[in-house]
Every structure is written in C-alpha cells, then in structure tokens.
Amino acid sequence: MHTTAHRLKSTAMAVTAGLLLLAGASTLIPWTQASEANVIGYRSLCSFAPFSTLICLMGANVLLTLRKRLTQVPEE
C-alpha cells in the first residue's frame, strides 16, 4: 500500500527528473554571448556541453530508475 509520503516522494523525484531533463536540453541552446565555444564547436548556453548535458541526463535517469524501484508493487 502506498502512503501519502510515498506518493509525495515519487512526485518529487519525477519533478526533479523533469527539471534535470529540461536543464540538460537547455545546455545545448545556441547563445552568441557565451565566453567560448563548447566541445561541439559552437557557442551555447553552457560552455561544458555536451558533458553537462550527459551529467543532467544521467541524473534524471538515476532518479527515474529509483522512483520506478520504489513504487513497484511487491509480488506475493
């Protein structure tokens, strides 16, 4: 049985993972005011792209995996 605390934790994990996905995608947005070009070769919102993108996506993946494991119904 899922309690309110479990649902709140699940929702918090999902929201945080969504924010990490959004942050990861936003690191690749082109930005002409950037101080230097990233590894891909263009000036983007984050100079550490695509590494920062991968870090954000891995964090979201970890959160969603934990959320899935914590919300699984135990088999009897």
PDB file of N, CA and C in Angstrom:
ATOM      1  N   MET A   1       0.835  -1.156   0.000  1.00  0.00           N
ATOM      2  CA  MET A   1       0.000   0.000   0.000  1.00  0.00           C
ATOM      3  C   MET A   1       0.900   1.246   0.000  1.00  0.00           C
ATOM      4  N   HIS A   2       0.586   2.184  -0.881  1.00  0.00           N
ATOM      5  CA  HIS A   2       1.355   3.416  -0.986  1.00  0.00           C
ATOM      6  C   HIS A   2       0.740   4.482  -0.087  1.00  0.00           C
ATOM      7  N   THR A   3       1.573   5.022   0.760  1.00  0.00           N
ATOM      8  CA  THR A   3       1.099   6.079   1.645  1.00  0.00           C
ATOM      9  C   THR A   3       1.269   7.430   0.969  1.00  0.00           C
ATOM     10  N   THR A   4       0.798   8.455   1.628  1.00  0.00           N
ATOM     11  CA  THR A   4       0.927   9.806   1.107  1.00  0.00           C
ATOM     12  C   THR A   4       2.394  10.196   1.000  1.00  0.00           C
ATOM     13  N   ALA A   5       3.204   9.757   1.940  1.00  0.00           N
ATOM     14  CA  ALA A   5       4.639  10.070   1.910  1.00  0.00           C
ATOM     15  C   ALA A   5       5.299   9.445   0.687  1.00  0.00           C
ATOM     16  N   HIS A   6       4.905   8.216   0.351  1.00  0.00           N
ATOM     17  CA  HIS A   6       5.457   7.554  -0.829  1.00  0.00           C
ATOM     18  C   HIS A   6       5.065   8.306  -2.096  1.00  0.00           C
ATOM     19  N   ARG A   7       3.825   8.730  -2.167  1.00  0.00           N
ATOM     20  CA  ARG A   7       3.360   9.466  -3.346  1.00  0.00           C
ATOM     21  C   ARG A   7       4.067  10.804  -3.468  1.00  0.00           C
ATOM     22  N   LEU A   8       4.291  11.464  -2.335  1.00  0.00           N
ATOM     23  CA  LEU A   8       4.990  12.745  -2.327  1.00  0.00           C
ATOM     24  C   LEU A   8       6.437  12.573  -2.786  1.00  0.00           C
ATOM     25  N   LYS A   9       7.106  11.531  -2.303  1.00  0.00           N
ATOM     26  CA  LYS A   9       8.475  11.249  -2.729  1.00  0.00           C
ATOM     27  C   LYS A   9       8.524  10.920  -4.221  1.00  0.00           C
ATOM     28  N   SER A  10       7.566  10.143  -4.681  1.00  0.00           N
ATOM     29  CA  SER A  10       7.509   9.782  -6.091  1.00  0.00           C
ATOM     30  C   SER A  10       7.305  11.006  -6.966  1.00  0.00           C
ATOM     31  N   THR A  11       6.407  11.885  -6.546  1.00  0.00           N
ATOM     32  CA  THR A  11       6.157  13.112  -7.298  1.00  0.00           C
ATOM     33  C   THR A  11       7.381  14.017  -7.289  1.00  0.00           C
ATOM     34  N   ALA A  12       8.037  14.132  -6.138  1.00  0.00           N
ATOM     35  CA  ALA A  12       9.238  14.960  -6.042  1.00  0.00           C
ATOM     36  C   ALA A  12      10.349  14.438  -6.951  1.00  0.00           C
ATOM     37  N   MET A  13      10.504  13.125  -6.994  1.00  0.00           N
ATOM     38  CA  MET A  13      11.512  12.533  -7.868  1.00  0.00           C
ATOM     39  C   MET A  13      11.189  12.786  -9.336  1.00  0.00           C
ATOM     40  N   ALA A  14       9.927  12.656  -9.693  1.00  0.00           N
ATOM     41  CA  ALA A  14       9.520  12.879 -11.078  1.00  0.00           C
ATOM     42  C   ALA A  14       9.724  14.337 -11.488  1.00  0.00           C
ATOM     43  N   VAL A  15       9.370  15.264 -10.603  1.00  0.00           N
ATOM     44  CA  VAL A  15       9.540  16.688 -10.907  1.00  0.00           C
ATOM     45  C   VAL A  15      11.023  17.036 -11.031  1.00  0.00           C
ATOM     46  N   THR A  16      11.841  16.526 -10.118  1.00  0.00           N
ATOM     47  CA  THR A  16      13.280  16.787 -10.170  1.00  0.00           C
ATOM     48  C   THR A  16      13.894  16.196 -11.440  1.00  0.00           C
ATOM     49  N   ALA A  17      13.477  15.006 -11.814  1.00  0.00           N
ATOM     50  CA  ALA A  17      13.976  14.400 -13.042  1.00  0.00           C
ATOM     51  C   ALA A  17      13.558  15.220 -14.255  1.00  0.00           C
ATOM     52  N   GLY A  18      12.345  15.718 -14.250  1.00  0.00           N
ATOM     53  CA  GLY A  18      11.886  16.573 -15.342  1.00  0.00           C
ATOM     54  C   GLY A  18      12.698  17.856 -15.447  1.00  0.00           C
ATOM     55  N   LEU A  19      13.010  18.444 -14.292  1.00  0.00           N
ATOM     56  CA  LEU A  19      13.842  19.653 -14.293  1.00  0.00           C
ATOM     57  C   LEU A  19      15.258  19.360 -14.793  1.00  0.00           C
ATOM     58  N   LEU A  20      15.794  18.202 -14.436  1.00  0.00           N
ATOM     59  CA  LEU A  20      17.114  17.821 -14.941  1.00  0.00           C
ATOM     60  C   LEU A  20      17.089  17.598 -16.450  1.00  0.00           C
ATOM     61  N   LEU A  21      16.026  17.011 -16.959  1.00  0.00           N
ATOM     62  CA  LEU A  21      15.904  16.837 -18.411  1.00  0.00           C
ATOM     63  C   LEU A  21      15.835  18.185 -19.119  1.00  0.00           C
ATOM     64  N   LEU A  22      15.083  19.096 -18.547  1.00  0.00           N
ATOM     65  CA  LEU A  22      14.970  20.440 -19.111  1.00  0.00           C
ATOM     66  C   LEU A  22      16.318  21.167 -19.054  1.00  0.00           C
ATOM     67  N   ALA A  23      17.012  21.047 -17.946  1.00  0.00           N
ATOM     68  CA  ALA A  23      18.327  21.677 -17.804  1.00  0.00           C
ATOM     69  C   ALA A  23      19.329  21.077 -18.793  1.00  0.00           C
ATOM     70  N   GLY A  24      19.266  19.759 -18.964  1.00  0.00           N
ATOM     71  CA  GLY A  24      20.167  19.106 -19.916  1.00  0.00           C
ATOM     72  C   GLY A  24      19.925  19.567 -21.335  1.00  0.00           C
ATOM     73  N   ALA A  25      18.676  19.710 -21.699  1.00  0.00           N
ATOM     74  CA  ALA A  25      18.352  20.176 -23.051  1.00  0.00           C
ATOM     75  C   ALA A  25      18.738  21.639 -23.237  1.00  0.00           C
ATOM     76  N   SER A  26      18.588  22.435 -22.178  1.00  0.00           N
ATOM     77  CA  SER A  26      18.888  23.863 -22.315  1.00  0.00           C
ATOM     78  C   SER A  26      20.376  24.151 -22.434  1.00  0.00           C
ATOM     79  N   THR A  27      21.226  23.230 -22.010  1.00  0.00           N
ATOM     80  CA  THR A  27      22.670  23.468 -22.136  1.00  0.00           C
ATOM     81  C   THR A  27      23.117  23.509 -23.585  1.00  0.00           C
ATOM     82  N   LEU A  28      22.338  22.952 -24.479  1.00  0.00           N
ATOM     83  CA  LEU A  28      22.713  22.904 -25.893  1.00  0.00           C
ATOM     84  C   LEU A  28      22.169  24.071 -26.712  1.00  0.00           C
ATOM     85  N   ILE A  29      21.415  24.960 -26.080  1.00  0.00           N
ATOM     86  CA  ILE A  29      20.823  26.097 -26.797  1.00  0.00           C
ATOM     87  C   ILE A  29      21.932  27.045 -27.253  1.00  0.00           C
ATOM     88  N   PRO A  30      21.981  27.407 -28.525  1.00  0.00           N
ATOM     89  CA  PRO A  30      22.997  28.358 -29.001  1.00  0.00           C
ATOM     90  C   PRO A  30      22.841  29.721 -28.325  1.00  0.00           C
ATOM     91  N   TRP A  31      23.998  30.328 -27.969  1.00  0.00           N
ATOM     92  CA  TRP A  31      23.992  31.626 -27.327  1.00  0.00           C
ATOM     93  C   TRP A  31      25.237  32.389 -27.755  1.00  0.00           C
ATOM     94  N   THR A  32      25.035  33.494 -28.453  1.00  0.00           N
ATOM     95  CA  THR A  32      26.163  34.244 -29.015  1.00  0.00           C
ATOM     96  C   THR A  32      26.977  34.966 -27.945  1.00  0.00           C
ATOM     97  N   GLN A  33      26.428  35.229 -26.771  1.00  0.00           N
ATOM     98  CA  GLN A  33      27.154  35.932 -25.713  1.00  0.00           C
ATOM     99  C   GLN A  33      28.031  35.009 -24.873  1.00  0.00           C
ATOM    100  N   ALA A  34      28.111  33.738 -25.226  1.00  0.00           N
ATOM    101  CA  ALA A  34      28.931  32.796 -24.456  1.00  0.00           C
ATOM    102  C   ALA A  34      30.403  33.185 -24.565  1.00  0.00           C
ATOM    103  N   SER A  35      31.150  32.932 -23.486  1.00  0.00           N
ATOM    104  CA  SER A  35      32.554  33.337 -23.446  1.00  0.00           C
ATOM    105  C   SER A  35      33.430  32.535 -24.406  1.00  0.00           C
ATOM    106  N   GLU A  36      33.097  31.271 -24.613  1.00  0.00           N
ATOM    107  CA  GLU A  36      33.885  30.437 -25.529  1.00  0.00           C
ATOM    108  C   GLU A  36      33.009  29.333 -26.112  1.00  0.00           C
ATOM    109  N   ALA A  37      33.504  28.724 -27.162  1.00  0.00           N
ATOM    110  CA  ALA A  37      32.760  27.649 -27.821  1.00  0.00           C
ATOM    111  C   ALA A  37      32.866  26.362 -27.008  1.00  0.00           C
ATOM    112  N   ASN A  38      31.860  25.514 -27.122  1.00  0.00           N
ATOM    113  CA  ASN A  38      31.895  24.236 -26.411  1.00  0.00           C
ATOM    114  C   ASN A  38      32.660  23.208 -27.237  1.00  0.00           C
ATOM    115  N   VAL A  39      32.694  21.983 -26.770  1.00  0.00           N
ATOM    116  CA  VAL A  39      33.442  20.919 -27.438  1.00  0.00           C
ATOM    117  C   VAL A  39      32.875  20.607 -28.818  1.00  0.00           C
ATOM    118  N   ILE A  40      31.585  20.781 -28.993  1.00  0.00           N
ATOM    119  CA  ILE A  40      30.945  20.503 -30.278  1.00  0.00           C
ATOM    120  C   ILE A  40      31.381  21.525 -31.324  1.00  0.00           C
ATOM    121  N   GLY A  41      31.714  22.745 -30.881  1.00  0.00           N
ATOM    122  CA  GLY A  41      32.240  23.736 -31.796  1.00  0.00           C
ATOM    123  C   GLY A  41      31.410  24.985 -31.976  1.00  0.00           C
ATOM    124  N   TYR A  42      30.365  25.150 -31.211  1.00  0.00           N
ATOM    125  CA  TYR A  42      29.569  26.373 -31.307  1.00  0.00           C
ATOM    126  C   TYR A  42      29.369  26.944 -29.910  1.00  0.00           C
ATOM    127  N   ARG A  43      29.000  28.205 -29.856  1.00  0.00           N
ATOM    128  CA  ARG A  43      28.771  28.878 -28.572  1.00  0.00           C
ATOM    129  C   ARG A  43      27.360  28.540 -28.092  1.00  0.00           C
ATOM    130  N   SER A  44      27.300  27.922 -26.932  1.00  0.00           N
ATOM    131  CA  SER A  44      25.998  27.527 -26.391  1.00  0.00           C
ATOM    132  C   SER A  44      25.824  28.102 -24.994  1.00  0.00           C
ATOM    133  N   LEU A  45      24.637  27.911 -24.450  1.00  0.00           N
ATOM    134  CA  LEU A  45      24.306  28.417 -23.121  1.00  0.00           C
ATOM    135  C   LEU A  45      25.304  27.909 -22.081  1.00  0.00           C
ATOM    136  N   CYS A  46      25.788  26.709 -22.241  1.00  0.00           N
ATOM    137  CA  CYS A  46      26.773  26.132 -21.326  1.00  0.00           C
ATOM    138  C   CYS A  46      28.024  25.763 -22.114  1.00  0.00           C
ATOM    139  N   SER A  47      29.152  26.283 -21.684  1.00  0.00           N
ATOM    140  CA  SER A  47      30.409  26.008 -22.392  1.00  0.00           C
ATOM    141  C   SER A  47      30.889  24.576 -22.198  1.00  0.00           C
ATOM    142  N   PHE A  48      30.331  23.871 -21.221  1.00  0.00           N
ATOM    143  CA  PHE A  48      30.736  22.496 -20.960  1.00  0.00           C
ATOM    144  C   PHE A  48      29.871  21.466 -21.687  1.00  0.00           C
ATOM    145  N   ALA A  49      29.001  21.909 -22.564  1.00  0.00           N
ATOM    146  CA  ALA A  49      28.182  20.974 -23.344  1.00  0.00           C
ATOM    147  C   ALA A  49      29.112  20.202 -24.270  1.00  0.00           C
ATOM    148  N   PRO A  50      28.899  18.977 -24.543  1.00  0.00           N
ATOM    149  CA  PRO A  50      27.798  18.075 -24.216  1.00  0.00           C
ATOM    150  C   PRO A  50      27.979  17.329 -22.895  1.00  0.00           C
ATOM    151  N   PHE A  51      29.098  17.593 -22.180  1.00  0.00           N
ATOM    152  CA  PHE A  51      29.332  16.874 -20.930  1.00  0.00           C
ATOM    153  C   PHE A  51      28.291  17.230 -19.870  1.00  0.00           C
ATOM    154  N   SER A  52      27.946  18.499 -19.772  1.00  0.00           N
ATOM    155  CA  SER A  52      26.926  18.911 -18.805  1.00  0.00           C
ATOM    156  C   SER A  52      25.565  18.320 -19.169  1.00  0.00           C
ATOM    157  N   THR A  53      25.313  18.186 -20.454  1.00  0.00           N
ATOM    158  CA  THR A  53      24.058  17.568 -20.903  1.00  0.00           C
ATOM    159  C   THR A  53      24.001  16.111 -20.449  1.00  0.00           C
ATOM    160  N   LEU A  54      25.088  15.394 -20.640  1.00  0.00           N
ATOM    161  CA  LEU A  54      25.128  13.988 -20.233  1.00  0.00           C
ATOM    162  C   LEU A  54      24.993  13.836 -18.726  1.00  0.00           C
ATOM    163  N   ILE A  55      25.612  14.723 -17.959  1.00  0.00           N
ATOM    164  CA  ILE A  55      25.506  14.656 -16.498  1.00  0.00           C
ATOM    165  C   ILE A  55      24.054  14.856 -16.058  1.00  0.00           C
ATOM    166  N   CYS A  56      23.388  15.829 -16.645  1.00  0.00           N
ATOM    167  CA  CYS A  56      21.971  16.080 -16.304  1.00  0.00           C
ATOM    168  C   CYS A  56      21.095  14.894 -16.697  1.00  0.00           C
ATOM    169  N   LEU A  57      21.335  14.338 -17.872  1.00  0.00           N
ATOM    170  CA  LEU A  57      20.525  13.203 -18.329  1.00  0.00           C
ATOM    171  C   LEU A  57      20.770  11.963 -17.472  1.00  0.00           C
ATOM    172  N   MET A  58      22.022  11.748 -17.043  1.00  0.00           N
ATOM    173  CA  MET A  58      22.307  10.611 -16.165  1.00  0.00           C
ATOM    174  C   MET A  58      21.641  10.788 -14.799  1.00  0.00           C
ATOM    175  N   GLY A  59      21.639  12.010 -14.282  1.00  0.00           N
ATOM    176  CA  GLY A  59      20.962  12.272 -13.016  1.00  0.00           C
ATOM    177  C   GLY A  59      19.475  12.008 -13.104  1.00  0.00           C
ATOM    178  N   ALA A  60      18.863  12.433 -14.201  1.00  0.00           N
ATOM    179  CA  ALA A  60      17.434  12.173 -14.407  1.00  0.00           C
ATOM    180  C   ALA A  60      17.175  10.672 -14.522  1.00  0.00           C
ATOM    181  N   ASN A  61      18.052   9.968 -15.194  1.00  0.00           N
ATOM    182  CA  ASN A  61      17.899   8.526 -15.359  1.00  0.00           C
ATOM    183  C   ASN A  61      17.983   7.817 -14.004  1.00  0.00           C
ATOM    184  N   VAL A  62      18.923   8.230 -13.166  1.00  0.00           N
ATOM    185  CA  VAL A  62      19.057   7.633 -11.838  1.00  0.00           C
ATOM    186  C   VAL A  62      17.791   7.880 -11.014  1.00  0.00           C
ATOM    187  N   LEU A  63      17.295   9.106 -11.033  1.00  0.00           N
ATOM    188  CA  LEU A  63      16.085   9.422 -10.270  1.00  0.00           C
ATOM    189  C   LEU A  63      14.875   8.628 -10.752  1.00  0.00           C
ATOM    190  N   LEU A  64      14.714   8.538 -12.056  1.00  0.00           N
ATOM    191  CA  LEU A  64      13.560   7.800 -12.584  1.00  0.00           C
ATOM    192  C   LEU A  64      13.680   6.300 -12.311  1.00  0.00           C
ATOM    193  N   THR A  65      14.903   5.767 -12.330  1.00  0.00           N
ATOM    194  CA  THR A  65      15.109   4.353 -12.010  1.00  0.00           C
ATOM    195  C   THR A  65      14.793   4.091 -10.539  1.00  0.00           C
ATOM    196  N   LEU A  66      15.275   4.969  -9.651  1.00  0.00           N
ATOM    197  CA  LEU A  66      14.963   4.820  -8.231  1.00  0.00           C
ATOM    198  C   LEU A  66      13.465   4.936  -7.977  1.00  0.00           C
ATOM    199  N   ARG A  67      12.828   5.881  -8.648  1.00  0.00           N
ATOM    200  CA  ARG A  67      11.388   6.070  -8.497  1.00  0.00           C
ATOM    201  C   ARG A  67      10.636   4.816  -8.921  1.00  0.00           C
ATOM    202  N   LYS A  68      11.071   4.225 -10.017  1.00  0.00           N
ATOM    203  CA  LYS A  68      10.409   3.009 -10.506  1.00  0.00           C
ATOM    204  C   LYS A  68      10.569   1.868  -9.505  1.00  0.00           C
ATOM    205  N   ARG A  69      11.770   1.728  -8.948  1.00  0.00           N
ATOM    206  CA  ARG A  69      12.005   0.652  -7.986  1.00  0.00           C
ATOM    207  C   ARG A  69      11.252   0.865  -6.674  1.00  0.00           C
ATOM    208  N   LEU A  70      11.155   2.125  -6.262  1.00  0.00           N
ATOM    209  CA  LEU A  70      10.460   2.399  -5.005  1.00  0.00           C
ATOM    210  C   LEU A  70       8.951   2.285  -5.121  1.00  0.00           C
ATOM    211  N   THR A  71       8.398   2.479  -6.310  1.00  0.00           N
ATOM    212  CA  THR A  71       6.948   2.442  -6.466  1.00  0.00           C
ATOM    213  C   THR A  71       6.428   1.101  -6.981  1.00  0.00           C
ATOM    214  N   GLN A  72       7.308   0.148  -7.208  1.00  0.00           N
ATOM    215  CA  GLN A  72       6.852  -1.162  -7.667  1.00  0.00           C
ATOM    216  C   GLN A  72       6.059  -1.854  -6.574  1.00  0.00           C
ATOM    217  N   VAL A  73       5.021  -2.523  -6.977  1.00  0.00           N
ATOM    218  CA  VAL A  73       4.213  -3.296  -6.051  1.00  0.00           C
ATOM    219  C   VAL A  73       4.905  -4.639  -5.840  1.00  0.00           C
ATOM    220  N   PRO A  74       5.202  -4.991  -4.592  1.00  0.00           N
ATOM    221  CA  PRO A  74       5.867  -6.277  -4.342  1.00  0.00           C
ATOM    222  C   PRO A  74       4.971  -7.449  -4.739  1.00  0.00           C
ATOM    223  N   GLU A  75       5.583  -8.396  -5.412  1.00  0.00           N
ATOM    224  CA  GLU A  75       4.828  -9.598  -5.826  1.00  0.00           C
ATOM    225  C   GLU A  75       4.702 -10.557  -4.657  1.00  0.00           C
ATOM    226  N   GLU A  76       3.563 -11.183  -4.554  1.00  0.00           N
ATOM    227  CA  GLU A  76       3.333 -12.116  -3.443  1.00  0.00           C
ATOM    228  C   GLU A  76       3.403 -13.522  -3.928  1.00  0.00           C
TER     229      GLU A  76
END
